[in-house]
Amino acid sequence: MNPFDVSMVNRVAKEIEESGRRMQQIVNSPTELTAELNKVQSSLNSLQSLTQADRAAGANANTAQYTPNQNQS
């Protein structure tokens, strides 16, 4: 399993925080809001990929633990 990337979590959290500030200070139109929401969604997808990779690794480990080796005679 890959080590959990805390630096990526921190970086993405800062990106989300900056998008929130821009929404409060700069956004004046639906187009600008959509652009910021797209940035936030991208950031959330990055974070979610970390949790999905962790779940997939756990699922593979569980499968390997209980699935018999098909190459055994």
N, C-alpha and C. Protein backbone atom coordinates (compact mmCIF):
# COMPACT_ATOMS: atom_id res chain seq x y z
N MET A 1 0.84 -1.18 0.00
CA MET A 1 0.00 0.00 0.00
C MET A 1 0.89 1.24 0.00
N ASN A 2 0.51 2.24 -0.76
CA ASN A 2 1.26 3.49 -0.83
C ASN A 2 1.08 4.28 0.46
N PRO A 3 2.11 5.00 0.89
CA PRO A 3 1.94 5.83 2.09
C PRO A 3 0.95 6.95 1.81
N PHE A 4 0.24 7.34 2.84
CA PHE A 4 -0.75 8.41 2.73
C PHE A 4 -0.03 9.73 2.51
N ASP A 5 -0.43 10.48 1.49
CA ASP A 5 0.25 11.70 1.09
C ASP A 5 -0.34 12.92 1.81
N VAL A 6 0.17 13.17 3.00
CA VAL A 6 -0.32 14.29 3.82
C VAL A 6 -0.03 15.63 3.14
N SER A 7 1.10 15.74 2.47
CA SER A 7 1.43 17.02 1.82
C SER A 7 0.43 17.32 0.70
N MET A 8 -0.05 16.29 0.01
CA MET A 8 -1.07 16.51 -1.01
C MET A 8 -2.37 16.98 -0.38
N VAL A 9 -2.75 16.39 0.74
CA VAL A 9 -3.97 16.80 1.44
C VAL A 9 -3.86 18.27 1.83
N ASN A 10 -2.72 18.67 2.38
CA ASN A 10 -2.52 20.06 2.78
C ASN A 10 -2.59 21.01 1.59
N ARG A 11 -1.94 20.62 0.49
CA ARG A 11 -1.94 21.47 -0.70
C ARG A 11 -3.35 21.63 -1.26
N VAL A 12 -4.08 20.53 -1.36
CA VAL A 12 -5.44 20.58 -1.90
C VAL A 12 -6.36 21.36 -0.97
N ALA A 13 -6.18 21.20 0.33
CA ALA A 13 -7.00 21.96 1.29
C ALA A 13 -6.78 23.46 1.12
N LYS A 14 -5.53 23.86 0.87
CA LYS A 14 -5.24 25.28 0.64
C LYS A 14 -5.90 25.76 -0.65
N GLU A 15 -5.90 24.92 -1.68
CA GLU A 15 -6.56 25.29 -2.94
C GLU A 15 -8.06 25.50 -2.72
N ILE A 16 -8.68 24.62 -1.94
CA ILE A 16 -10.11 24.76 -1.65
C ILE A 16 -10.36 26.05 -0.86
N GLU A 17 -9.51 26.31 0.11
CA GLU A 17 -9.63 27.52 0.92
C GLU A 17 -9.51 28.78 0.04
N GLU A 18 -8.54 28.77 -0.87
CA GLU A 18 -8.35 29.91 -1.77
C GLU A 18 -9.56 30.09 -2.68
N SER A 19 -10.15 29.00 -3.16
CA SER A 19 -11.36 29.11 -3.99
C SER A 19 -12.49 29.73 -3.19
N GLY A 20 -12.61 29.34 -1.92
CA GLY A 20 -13.64 29.93 -1.06
C GLY A 20 -13.46 31.43 -0.91
N ARG A 21 -12.22 31.86 -0.73
CA ARG A 21 -11.94 33.30 -0.63
C ARG A 21 -12.29 34.03 -1.92
N ARG A 22 -11.92 33.41 -3.06
CA ARG A 22 -12.24 34.04 -4.35
C ARG A 22 -13.75 34.14 -4.53
N MET A 23 -14.49 33.12 -4.11
CA MET A 23 -15.95 33.17 -4.24
C MET A 23 -16.51 34.32 -3.41
N GLN A 24 -15.93 34.56 -2.23
CA GLN A 24 -16.41 35.64 -1.37
C GLN A 24 -16.01 37.02 -1.90
N GLN A 25 -14.81 37.12 -2.48
CA GLN A 25 -14.26 38.43 -2.81
C GLN A 25 -14.40 38.83 -4.27
N ILE A 26 -14.37 37.88 -5.18
CA ILE A 26 -14.24 38.22 -6.59
C ILE A 26 -15.43 37.83 -7.45
N VAL A 27 -16.03 36.69 -7.16
CA VAL A 27 -17.06 36.14 -8.04
C VAL A 27 -18.25 37.09 -8.15
N ASN A 28 -18.57 37.47 -9.41
CA ASN A 28 -19.67 38.40 -9.66
C ASN A 28 -20.62 37.90 -10.74
N SER A 29 -20.41 36.69 -11.22
CA SER A 29 -21.28 36.19 -12.28
C SER A 29 -21.38 34.66 -12.18
N PRO A 30 -22.42 34.10 -12.79
CA PRO A 30 -22.56 32.64 -12.80
C PRO A 30 -21.36 31.95 -13.46
N THR A 31 -20.78 32.57 -14.47
CA THR A 31 -19.62 31.98 -15.15
C THR A 31 -18.42 31.90 -14.21
N GLU A 32 -18.17 32.96 -13.46
CA GLU A 32 -17.06 32.96 -12.50
C GLU A 32 -17.31 31.95 -11.39
N LEU A 33 -18.56 31.86 -10.93
CA LEU A 33 -18.90 30.89 -9.90
C LEU A 33 -18.69 29.46 -10.41
N THR A 34 -19.12 29.20 -11.64
CA THR A 34 -18.93 27.88 -12.23
C THR A 34 -17.45 27.52 -12.31
N ALA A 35 -16.61 28.48 -12.68
CA ALA A 35 -15.17 28.23 -12.77
C ALA A 35 -14.60 27.86 -11.40
N GLU A 36 -15.00 28.58 -10.36
CA GLU A 36 -14.52 28.27 -9.01
C GLU A 36 -15.04 26.93 -8.54
N LEU A 37 -16.30 26.63 -8.82
CA LEU A 37 -16.86 25.34 -8.42
C LEU A 37 -16.16 24.19 -9.12
N ASN A 38 -15.76 24.39 -10.37
CA ASN A 38 -15.00 23.38 -11.09
C ASN A 38 -13.65 23.13 -10.42
N LYS A 39 -13.01 24.20 -9.95
CA LYS A 39 -11.74 24.07 -9.25
C LYS A 39 -11.92 23.30 -7.94
N VAL A 40 -12.99 23.63 -7.21
CA VAL A 40 -13.27 22.94 -5.95
C VAL A 40 -13.56 21.47 -6.22
N GLN A 41 -14.36 21.19 -7.25
CA GLN A 41 -14.69 19.80 -7.57
C GLN A 41 -13.44 19.02 -7.93
N SER A 42 -12.54 19.63 -8.68
CA SER A 42 -11.29 18.98 -9.02
C SER A 42 -10.48 18.66 -7.77
N SER A 43 -10.44 19.60 -6.84
CA SER A 43 -9.73 19.38 -5.59
C SER A 43 -10.36 18.25 -4.79
N LEU A 44 -11.68 18.24 -4.72
CA LEU A 44 -12.38 17.17 -4.00
C LEU A 44 -12.12 15.81 -4.64
N ASN A 45 -12.08 15.78 -5.96
CA ASN A 45 -11.79 14.53 -6.66
C ASN A 45 -10.39 14.02 -6.32
N SER A 46 -9.44 14.94 -6.19
CA SER A 46 -8.08 14.54 -5.81
C SER A 46 -8.06 13.91 -4.43
N LEU A 47 -8.77 14.53 -3.50
CA LEU A 47 -8.83 13.99 -2.14
C LEU A 47 -9.55 12.64 -2.13
N GLN A 48 -10.62 12.55 -2.88
CA GLN A 48 -11.38 11.31 -2.90
C GLN A 48 -10.55 10.18 -3.51
N SER A 49 -9.69 10.49 -4.46
CA SER A 49 -8.86 9.45 -5.06
C SER A 49 -7.94 8.83 -4.01
N LEU A 50 -7.51 9.61 -3.02
CA LEU A 50 -6.69 9.05 -1.94
C LEU A 50 -7.47 8.04 -1.12
N THR A 51 -8.73 8.34 -0.83
CA THR A 51 -9.52 7.42 -0.02
C THR A 51 -9.91 6.19 -0.83
N GLN A 52 -10.16 6.35 -2.12
CA GLN A 52 -10.51 5.21 -2.95
C GLN A 52 -9.33 4.29 -3.15
N ALA A 53 -8.15 4.85 -3.29
CA ALA A 53 -6.95 4.02 -3.43
C ALA A 53 -6.74 3.20 -2.16
N ASP A 54 -7.01 3.81 -1.02
CA ASP A 54 -6.87 3.11 0.26
C ASP A 54 -7.89 1.98 0.35
N ARG A 55 -9.13 2.24 -0.03
CA ARG A 55 -10.16 1.20 0.00
C ARG A 55 -9.83 0.08 -0.96
N ALA A 56 -9.36 0.42 -2.15
CA ALA A 56 -9.04 -0.59 -3.15
C ALA A 56 -7.89 -1.47 -2.65
N ALA A 57 -6.91 -0.85 -2.02
CA ALA A 57 -5.79 -1.64 -1.49
C ALA A 57 -6.29 -2.59 -0.42
N GLY A 58 -7.17 -2.11 0.43
CA GLY A 58 -7.74 -2.97 1.47
C GLY A 58 -8.58 -4.08 0.89
N ALA A 59 -9.35 -3.76 -0.14
CA ALA A 59 -10.19 -4.78 -0.78
C ALA A 59 -9.33 -5.84 -1.44
N ASN A 60 -8.25 -5.42 -2.08
CA ASN A 60 -7.36 -6.39 -2.72
C ASN A 60 -6.69 -7.28 -1.68
N ALA A 61 -6.31 -6.70 -0.56
CA ALA A 61 -5.69 -7.48 0.50
C ALA A 61 -6.67 -8.51 1.04
N ASN A 62 -7.92 -8.10 1.23
CA ASN A 62 -8.92 -9.03 1.73
C ASN A 62 -9.19 -10.14 0.72
N THR A 63 -9.22 -9.80 -0.55
CA THR A 63 -9.45 -10.81 -1.59
C THR A 63 -8.31 -11.80 -1.62
N ALA A 64 -7.09 -11.29 -1.56
CA ALA A 64 -5.92 -12.16 -1.61
C ALA A 64 -5.89 -13.09 -0.41
N GLN A 65 -6.40 -12.62 0.70
CA GLN A 65 -6.35 -13.41 1.91
C GLN A 65 -7.28 -14.62 1.83
N TYR A 66 -8.40 -14.50 1.17
CA TYR A 66 -9.42 -15.55 1.17
C TYR A 66 -9.55 -16.31 -0.14
N THR A 67 -8.94 -15.83 -1.20
CA THR A 67 -9.05 -16.50 -2.48
C THR A 67 -7.97 -17.56 -2.60
N PRO A 68 -8.34 -18.81 -2.87
CA PRO A 68 -7.31 -19.85 -3.00
C PRO A 68 -6.46 -19.63 -4.24
N ASN A 69 -5.24 -20.06 -4.18
CA ASN A 69 -4.32 -19.96 -5.31
C ASN A 69 -4.78 -20.94 -6.40
N GLN A 70 -5.10 -20.43 -7.56
CA GLN A 70 -5.60 -21.25 -8.65
C GLN A 70 -4.52 -22.13 -9.27
N ASN A 71 -3.27 -21.83 -8.95
CA ASN A 71 -2.16 -22.59 -9.52
C ASN A 71 -1.76 -23.80 -8.67
N GLN A 72 -2.41 -23.96 -7.53
CA GLN A 72 -2.09 -25.11 -6.69
C GLN A 72 -2.68 -26.39 -7.26
N SER A 73 -1.98 -27.51 -7.11
CA SER A 73 -2.50 -28.79 -7.62
C SER A 73 -3.30 -29.48 -6.55
